[in-house]
Amino acid sequence: MSNIVTPAQAGVQKAPQDWIPAGVYPPRGMHLQSFNPEEFSREMRLATAITWYEQGKASQEVAARIAGMNRTDFLLALARAGKDSFQVDFSDLDRELSLG
């Protein structure tokens, strides 16, 4: 007996591209079948690395390793994705500036 639940069994009525946030799911017309396994794996590692970096779960260096890149290439990938290269916690910055 399988524990796998299909989307229909879970009550999902819409296609994933209709409920997954923009930028997470491939653009319309781009199907996962168009990726070869190596390309898919590379894209997923990069997407994971960018997400974890944005969430503060990984440093630039760790995220670059997750993505299979050096740090410079990871920073360039962030720029291509339109993501911030540096994460700034403004409360920490204010605290540092107040110390003089």
Protein backbone atom coordinates (compact mmCIF):
# COMPACT_ATOMS: atom_id res chain seq x y z
CA MET A 1 0.00 0.00 0.00
CA SER A 2 1.37 3.39 -1.01
CA ASN A 3 1.41 6.46 1.20
CA ILE A 4 1.66 8.74 -1.82
CA VAL A 5 -1.27 11.12 -2.18
CA THR A 6 -2.07 12.51 -5.59
CA PRO A 7 -2.97 16.20 -5.98
CA ALA A 8 -6.57 15.22 -6.77
CA GLN A 9 -6.78 13.14 -3.56
CA ALA A 10 -5.46 16.12 -1.60
CA GLY A 11 -8.17 18.31 -3.07
CA VAL A 12 -5.88 20.36 -5.32
CA GLN A 13 -7.97 21.65 -8.19
CA LYS A 14 -5.47 23.93 -9.90
CA ALA A 15 -2.30 23.20 -11.82
CA PRO A 16 0.92 23.90 -9.85
CA GLN A 17 1.77 26.97 -11.94
CA ASP A 18 -1.50 28.52 -10.71
CA TRP A 19 -0.75 28.19 -6.98
CA ILE A 20 3.03 28.04 -6.64
CA PRO A 21 4.50 31.56 -6.20
CA ALA A 22 5.99 33.25 -9.25
CA GLY A 23 9.65 32.52 -9.72
CA VAL A 24 9.43 29.12 -8.06
CA TYR A 25 7.75 27.20 -10.84
CA PRO A 26 9.13 27.21 -14.40
CA PRO A 27 7.51 29.84 -16.64
CA ARG A 28 4.48 28.80 -18.68
CA GLY A 29 5.56 26.89 -21.75
CA MET A 30 8.71 25.61 -20.04
CA HIS A 31 8.16 22.02 -19.01
CA LEU A 32 10.32 19.98 -16.67
CA GLN A 33 10.57 17.37 -19.41
CA SER A 34 12.63 19.88 -21.41
CA PHE A 35 15.47 19.56 -18.86
CA ASN A 36 17.93 16.73 -19.04
CA PRO A 37 18.66 15.19 -15.60
CA GLU A 38 21.99 16.99 -15.15
CA GLU A 39 20.52 20.37 -16.11
CA PHE A 40 17.52 19.81 -13.82
CA SER A 41 19.80 18.88 -10.92
CA ARG A 42 21.99 21.95 -11.52
CA GLU A 43 18.94 24.26 -11.68
CA MET A 44 17.45 22.77 -8.49
CA ARG A 45 20.74 23.12 -6.61
CA LEU A 46 20.99 26.77 -7.71
CA ALA A 47 17.36 27.49 -6.79
CA THR A 48 17.87 25.89 -3.38
CA ALA A 49 21.11 27.78 -2.80
CA ILE A 50 19.52 31.12 -3.71
CA THR A 51 16.49 30.45 -1.51
CA TRP A 52 18.56 29.38 1.50
CA TYR A 53 20.90 32.36 1.02
CA GLU A 54 17.91 34.75 0.90
CA GLN A 55 16.47 33.14 4.05
CA GLY A 56 19.78 33.48 5.87
CA LYS A 57 20.15 29.71 6.17
CA ALA A 58 23.38 29.66 4.15
CA SER A 59 26.27 32.07 3.71
CA GLN A 60 27.44 33.07 0.23
CA GLU A 61 30.24 30.52 0.45
CA VAL A 62 27.98 27.66 1.56
CA ALA A 63 25.30 28.59 -0.98
CA ALA A 64 27.92 28.67 -3.72
CA ARG A 65 29.06 25.15 -2.75
CA ILE A 66 25.45 23.92 -2.72
CA ALA A 67 25.02 25.36 -6.22
CA GLY A 68 28.28 23.72 -7.34
CA MET A 69 29.90 27.09 -8.07
CA ASN A 70 32.62 29.31 -6.77
CA ARG A 71 31.55 32.39 -4.84
CA THR A 72 32.03 34.80 -7.77
CA ASP A 73 29.86 32.69 -10.07
CA PHE A 74 27.21 32.44 -7.35
CA LEU A 75 27.15 36.24 -6.99
CA LEU A 76 26.75 36.53 -10.77
CA ALA A 77 23.90 33.98 -10.65
CA LEU A 78 22.21 36.05 -7.94
CA ALA A 79 22.46 39.12 -10.17
CA ARG A 80 21.02 37.22 -13.17
CA ALA A 81 18.14 36.08 -10.95
CA GLY A 82 17.53 39.67 -9.82
CA LYS A 83 18.35 38.84 -6.19
CA ASP A 84 20.29 40.92 -3.68
CA SER A 85 23.93 39.93 -3.36
CA PHE A 86 24.19 41.04 0.24
CA GLN A 87 21.77 40.37 3.07
CA VAL A 88 21.53 43.27 5.51
CA ASP A 89 19.78 43.06 8.86
CA PHE A 90 18.91 46.70 9.43
CA SER A 91 18.46 46.29 13.18
CA ASP A 92 22.01 44.90 13.39
CA LEU A 93 23.26 47.74 11.19
CA ASP A 94 21.55 50.35 13.41
CA ARG A 95 23.05 48.73 16.49
CA GLU A 96 26.55 48.74 14.95
CA LEU A 97 26.21 52.38 13.85
CA SER A 98 25.07 53.43 17.31
CA LEU A 99 28.26 52.00 18.80
CA GLY A 100 30.26 54.57 16.84
